[in-house]
Amino acid sequence: MQAIKNFIRNEDGVTAIEYGLIAALIAVALAAVVKTLGGQIKSAFEAVSAQMPAAKP
């Protein structure tokens, strides 16, 4: 019974798990932003690249 109580009170590794969850949340948020804004960013780069040949040095 004492071993079970010690296991429940043991907090080793909790911080690493928390950092892992935070990193996963950031990755999901970043993927959502890229998916949402990807088309707009592509359009902006295409517009800029279309005007580059017309630019004179």
PDB file of N, CA and C in Angstrom:
ATOM      1  N   MET A   1       0.815  -1.191   0.000  1.00  0.00           N
ATOM      2  CA  MET A   1       0.000   0.000   0.000  1.00  0.00           C
ATOM      3  C   MET A   1       0.867   1.266   0.000  1.00  0.00           C
ATOM      4  N   GLN A   2       1.961   1.204   0.725  1.00  0.00           N
ATOM      5  CA  GLN A   2       2.870   2.357   0.782  1.00  0.00           C
ATOM      6  C   GLN A   2       3.484   2.630  -0.595  1.00  0.00           C
ATOM      7  N   ALA A   3       3.755   1.579  -1.343  1.00  0.00           N
ATOM      8  CA  ALA A   3       4.333   1.745  -2.677  1.00  0.00           C
ATOM      9  C   ALA A   3       3.364   2.486  -3.594  1.00  0.00           C
ATOM     10  N   ILE A   4       2.090   2.204  -3.484  1.00  0.00           N
ATOM     11  CA  ILE A   4       1.085   2.883  -4.313  1.00  0.00           C
ATOM     12  C   ILE A   4       1.010   4.363  -3.938  1.00  0.00           C
ATOM     13  N   LYS A   5       1.037   4.663  -2.652  1.00  0.00           N
ATOM     14  CA  LYS A   5       1.011   6.059  -2.206  1.00  0.00           C
ATOM     15  C   LYS A   5       2.242   6.810  -2.705  1.00  0.00           C
ATOM     16  N   ASN A   6       3.393   6.168  -2.635  1.00  0.00           N
ATOM     17  CA  ASN A   6       4.622   6.796  -3.129  1.00  0.00           C
ATOM     18  C   ASN A   6       4.554   7.035  -4.635  1.00  0.00           C
ATOM     19  N   PHE A   7       3.985   6.090  -5.364  1.00  0.00           N
ATOM     20  CA  PHE A   7       3.864   6.234  -6.813  1.00  0.00           C
ATOM     21  C   PHE A   7       2.958   7.413  -7.167  1.00  0.00           C
ATOM     22  N   ILE A   8       1.859   7.563  -6.438  1.00  0.00           N
ATOM     23  CA  ILE A   8       0.921   8.655  -6.705  1.00  0.00           C
ATOM     24  C   ILE A   8       1.554  10.010  -6.383  1.00  0.00           C
ATOM     25  N   ARG A   9       2.354  10.080  -5.334  1.00  0.00           N
ATOM     26  CA  ARG A   9       2.997  11.333  -4.933  1.00  0.00           C
ATOM     27  C   ARG A   9       4.207  11.687  -5.795  1.00  0.00           C
ATOM     28  N   ASN A  10       4.769  10.721  -6.470  1.00  0.00           N
ATOM     29  CA  ASN A  10       5.980  10.940  -7.262  1.00  0.00           C
ATOM     30  C   ASN A  10       5.656  11.847  -8.449  1.00  0.00           C
ATOM     31  N   GLU A  11       6.377  12.950  -8.564  1.00  0.00           N
ATOM     32  CA  GLU A  11       6.140  13.898  -9.652  1.00  0.00           C
ATOM     33  C   GLU A  11       7.316  13.971 -10.624  1.00  0.00           C
ATOM     34  N   ASP A  12       8.217  13.017 -10.584  1.00  0.00           N
ATOM     35  CA  ASP A  12       9.337  13.010 -11.519  1.00  0.00           C
ATOM     36  C   ASP A  12       8.811  12.831 -12.938  1.00  0.00           C
ATOM     37  N   GLY A  13       9.303  13.627 -13.844  1.00  0.00           N
ATOM     38  CA  GLY A  13       8.905  13.509 -15.238  1.00  0.00           C
ATOM     39  C   GLY A  13       7.675  14.312 -15.602  1.00  0.00           C
ATOM     40  N   VAL A  14       6.994  14.878 -14.633  1.00  0.00           N
ATOM     41  CA  VAL A  14       5.783  15.643 -14.925  1.00  0.00           C
ATOM     42  C   VAL A  14       6.119  16.874 -15.759  1.00  0.00           C
ATOM     43  N   THR A  15       7.211  17.541 -15.445  1.00  0.00           N
ATOM     44  CA  THR A  15       7.597  18.733 -16.186  1.00  0.00           C
ATOM     45  C   THR A  15       7.905  18.396 -17.636  1.00  0.00           C
ATOM     46  N   ALA A  16       8.576  17.294 -17.870  1.00  0.00           N
ATOM     47  CA  ALA A  16       8.882  16.886 -19.243  1.00  0.00           C
ATOM     48  C   ALA A  16       7.604  16.609 -20.017  1.00  0.00           C
ATOM     49  N   ILE A  17       6.643  15.988 -19.376  1.00  0.00           N
ATOM     50  CA  ILE A  17       5.365  15.715 -20.040  1.00  0.00           C
ATOM     51  C   ILE A  17       4.647  17.023 -20.350  1.00  0.00           C
ATOM     52  N   GLU A  18       4.679  17.961 -19.418  1.00  0.00           N
ATOM     53  CA  GLU A  18       4.039  19.257 -19.656  1.00  0.00           C
ATOM     54  C   GLU A  18       4.688  19.979 -20.835  1.00  0.00           C
ATOM     55  N   TYR A  19       6.021  19.965 -20.887  1.00  0.00           N
ATOM     56  CA  TYR A  19       6.701  20.596 -22.019  1.00  0.00           C
ATOM     57  C   TYR A  19       6.348  19.897 -23.329  1.00  0.00           C
ATOM     58  N   GLY A  20       6.222  18.593 -23.305  1.00  0.00           N
ATOM     59  CA  GLY A  20       5.823  17.858 -24.500  1.00  0.00           C
ATOM     60  C   GLY A  20       4.429  18.240 -24.963  1.00  0.00           C
ATOM     61  N   LEU A  21       3.511  18.388 -24.025  1.00  0.00           N
ATOM     62  CA  LEU A  21       2.149  18.795 -24.380  1.00  0.00           C
ATOM     63  C   LEU A  21       2.116  20.215 -24.934  1.00  0.00           C
ATOM     64  N   ILE A  22       2.909  21.100 -24.350  1.00  0.00           N
ATOM     65  CA  ILE A  22       2.976  22.473 -24.858  1.00  0.00           C
ATOM     66  C   ILE A  22       3.549  22.492 -26.272  1.00  0.00           C
ATOM     67  N   ALA A  23       4.603  21.719 -26.518  1.00  0.00           N
ATOM     68  CA  ALA A  23       5.194  21.649 -27.858  1.00  0.00           C
ATOM     69  C   ALA A  23       4.196  21.094 -28.867  1.00  0.00           C
ATOM     70  N   ALA A  24       3.426  20.092 -28.468  1.00  0.00           N
ATOM     71  CA  ALA A  24       2.417  19.524 -29.362  1.00  0.00           C
ATOM     72  C   ALA A  24       1.334  20.549 -29.670  1.00  0.00           C
ATOM     73  N   LEU A  25       0.920  21.312 -28.686  1.00  0.00           N
ATOM     74  CA  LEU A  25      -0.094  22.341 -28.892  1.00  0.00           C
ATOM     75  C   LEU A  25       0.407  23.423 -29.838  1.00  0.00           C
ATOM     76  N   ILE A  26       1.656  23.824 -29.678  1.00  0.00           N
ATOM     77  CA  ILE A  26       2.241  24.821 -30.574  1.00  0.00           C
ATOM     78  C   ILE A  26       2.316  24.281 -31.997  1.00  0.00           C
ATOM     79  N   ALA A  27       2.677  23.018 -32.150  1.00  0.00           N
ATOM     80  CA  ALA A  27       2.756  22.413 -33.484  1.00  0.00           C
ATOM     81  C   ALA A  27       1.388  22.376 -34.151  1.00  0.00           C
ATOM     82  N   VAL A  28       0.356  22.046 -33.398  1.00  0.00           N
ATOM     83  CA  VAL A  28      -1.001  22.008 -33.956  1.00  0.00           C
ATOM     84  C   VAL A  28      -1.443  23.412 -34.357  1.00  0.00           C
ATOM     85  N   ALA A  29      -1.156  24.401 -33.518  1.00  0.00           N
ATOM     86  CA  ALA A  29      -1.523  25.778 -33.839  1.00  0.00           C
ATOM     87  C   ALA A  29      -0.786  26.266 -35.078  1.00  0.00           C
ATOM     88  N   LEU A  30       0.492  25.940 -35.186  1.00  0.00           N
ATOM     89  CA  LEU A  30       1.275  26.338 -36.354  1.00  0.00           C
ATOM     90  C   LEU A  30       0.733  25.695 -37.624  1.00  0.00           C
ATOM     91  N   ALA A  31       0.371  24.431 -37.547  1.00  0.00           N
ATOM     92  CA  ALA A  31      -0.203  23.746 -38.707  1.00  0.00           C
ATOM     93  C   ALA A  31      -1.519  24.390 -39.116  1.00  0.00           C
ATOM     94  N   ALA A  32      -2.329  24.789 -38.156  1.00  0.00           N
ATOM     95  CA  ALA A  32      -3.603  25.439 -38.468  1.00  0.00           C
ATOM     96  C   ALA A  32      -3.382  26.788 -39.142  1.00  0.00           C
ATOM     97  N   VAL A  33      -2.395  27.543 -38.674  1.00  0.00           N
ATOM     98  CA  VAL A  33      -2.098  28.844 -39.273  1.00  0.00           C
ATOM     99  C   VAL A  33      -1.597  28.671 -40.698  1.00  0.00           C
ATOM    100  N   VAL A  34      -0.712  27.716 -40.909  1.00  0.00           N
ATOM    101  CA  VAL A  34      -0.171  27.480 -42.252  1.00  0.00           C
ATOM    102  C   VAL A  34      -1.283  27.043 -43.200  1.00  0.00           C
ATOM    103  N   LYS A  35      -2.167  26.189 -42.728  1.00  0.00           N
ATOM    104  CA  LYS A  35      -3.269  25.726 -43.576  1.00  0.00           C
ATOM    105  C   LYS A  35      -4.212  26.876 -43.909  1.00  0.00           C
ATOM    106  N   THR A  36      -4.463  27.739 -42.938  1.00  0.00           N
ATOM    107  CA  THR A  36      -5.385  28.852 -43.149  1.00  0.00           C
ATOM    108  C   THR A  36      -4.790  29.925 -44.052  1.00  0.00           C
ATOM    109  N   LEU A  37      -3.548  30.288 -43.828  1.00  0.00           N
ATOM    110  CA  LEU A  37      -2.935  31.392 -44.561  1.00  0.00           C
ATOM    111  C   LEU A  37      -2.118  30.951 -45.768  1.00  0.00           C
ATOM    112  N   GLY A  38      -1.978  29.672 -45.982  1.00  0.00           N
ATOM    113  CA  GLY A  38      -1.131  29.174 -47.062  1.00  0.00           C
ATOM    114  C   GLY A  38      -1.517  29.697 -48.430  1.00  0.00           C
ATOM    115  N   GLY A  39      -2.797  29.691 -48.735  1.00  0.00           N
ATOM    116  CA  GLY A  39      -3.267  30.167 -50.036  1.00  0.00           C
ATOM    117  C   GLY A  39      -3.004  31.643 -50.238  1.00  0.00           C
ATOM    118  N   GLN A  40      -3.204  32.428 -49.200  1.00  0.00           N
ATOM    119  CA  GLN A  40      -2.977  33.870 -49.299  1.00  0.00           C
ATOM    120  C   GLN A  40      -1.495  34.183 -49.484  1.00  0.00           C
ATOM    121  N   ILE A  41      -0.656  33.471 -48.788  1.00  0.00           N
ATOM    122  CA  ILE A  41       0.788  33.685 -48.931  1.00  0.00           C
ATOM    123  C   ILE A  41       1.243  33.290 -50.331  1.00  0.00           C
ATOM    124  N   LYS A  42       0.712  32.184 -50.838  1.00  0.00           N
ATOM    125  CA  LYS A  42       1.060  31.744 -52.190  1.00  0.00           C
ATOM    126  C   LYS A  42       0.642  32.791 -53.211  1.00  0.00           C
ATOM    127  N   SER A  43      -0.552  33.348 -53.059  1.00  0.00           N
ATOM    128  CA  SER A  43      -1.029  34.372 -53.985  1.00  0.00           C
ATOM    129  C   SER A  43      -0.140  35.612 -53.948  1.00  0.00           C
ATOM    130  N   ALA A  44       0.291  36.004 -52.775  1.00  0.00           N
ATOM    131  CA  ALA A  44       1.149  37.179 -52.654  1.00  0.00           C
ATOM    132  C   ALA A  44       2.489  36.953 -53.350  1.00  0.00           C
ATOM    133  N   PHE A  45       3.099  35.790 -53.151  1.00  0.00           N
ATOM    134  CA  PHE A  45       4.374  35.501 -53.811  1.00  0.00           C
ATOM    135  C   PHE A  45       4.206  35.392 -55.321  1.00  0.00           C
ATOM    136  N   GLU A  46       3.097  34.835 -55.783  1.00  0.00           N
ATOM    137  CA  GLU A  46       2.859  34.742 -57.223  1.00  0.00           C
ATOM    138  C   GLU A  46       2.691  36.127 -57.837  1.00  0.00           C
ATOM    139  N   ALA A  47       2.020  37.029 -57.135  1.00  0.00           N
ATOM    140  CA  ALA A  47       1.842  38.390 -57.641  1.00  0.00           C
ATOM    141  C   ALA A  47       3.181  39.111 -57.738  1.00  0.00           C
ATOM    142  N   VAL A  48       4.016  38.942 -56.748  1.00  0.00           N
ATOM    143  CA  VAL A  48       5.338  39.580 -56.768  1.00  0.00           C
ATOM    144  C   VAL A  48       6.195  38.994 -57.877  1.00  0.00           C
ATOM    145  N   SER A  49       6.190  37.672 -58.021  1.00  0.00           N
ATOM    146  CA  SER A  49       7.030  37.051 -59.048  1.00  0.00           C
ATOM    147  C   SER A  49       6.525  37.362 -60.450  1.00  0.00           C
ATOM    148  N   ALA A  50       5.245  37.605 -60.608  1.00  0.00           N
ATOM    149  CA  ALA A  50       4.719  37.957 -61.930  1.00  0.00           C
ATOM    150  C   ALA A  50       5.186  39.342 -62.355  1.00  0.00           C
ATOM    151  N   GLN A  51       5.421  40.218 -61.417  1.00  0.00           N
ATOM    152  CA  GLN A  51       5.851  41.574 -61.754  1.00  0.00           C
ATOM    153  C   GLN A  51       7.363  41.712 -61.855  1.00  0.00           C
ATOM    154  N   MET A  52       8.119  40.726 -61.446  1.00  0.00           N
ATOM    155  CA  MET A  52       9.581  40.828 -61.505  1.00  0.00           C
ATOM    156  C   MET A  52      10.123  40.914 -62.925  1.00  0.00           C
ATOM    157  N   PRO A  53       9.640  40.135 -63.879  1.00  0.00           N
ATOM    158  CA  PRO A  53      10.190  40.283 -65.232  1.00  0.00           C
ATOM    159  C   PRO A  53       9.933  41.673 -65.819  1.00  0.00           C
ATOM    160  N   ALA A  54       8.868  42.336 -65.388  1.00  0.00           N
ATOM    161  CA  ALA A  54       8.550  43.659 -65.905  1.00  0.00           C
ATOM    162  C   ALA A  54       9.438  44.743 -65.296  1.00  0.00           C
ATOM    163  N   ALA A  55      10.063  44.457 -64.198  1.00  0.00           N
ATOM    164  CA  ALA A  55      10.921  45.454 -63.547  1.00  0.00           C
ATOM    165  C   ALA A  55      12.212  45.616 -64.341  1.00  0.00           C
ATOM    166  N   LYS A  56      12.637  46.851 -64.482  1.00  0.00           N
ATOM    167  CA  LYS A  56      13.870  47.109 -65.224  1.00  0.00           C
ATOM    168  C   LYS A  56      14.968  47.486 -64.238  1.00  0.00           C
ATOM    169  N   PRO A  57      16.149  46.935 -64.427  1.00  0.00           N
ATOM    170  CA  PRO A  57      17.254  47.232 -63.500  1.00  0.00           C
ATOM    171  C   PRO A  57      17.752  48.645 -63.600  1.00  0.00           C
TER     172      PRO A  57
END
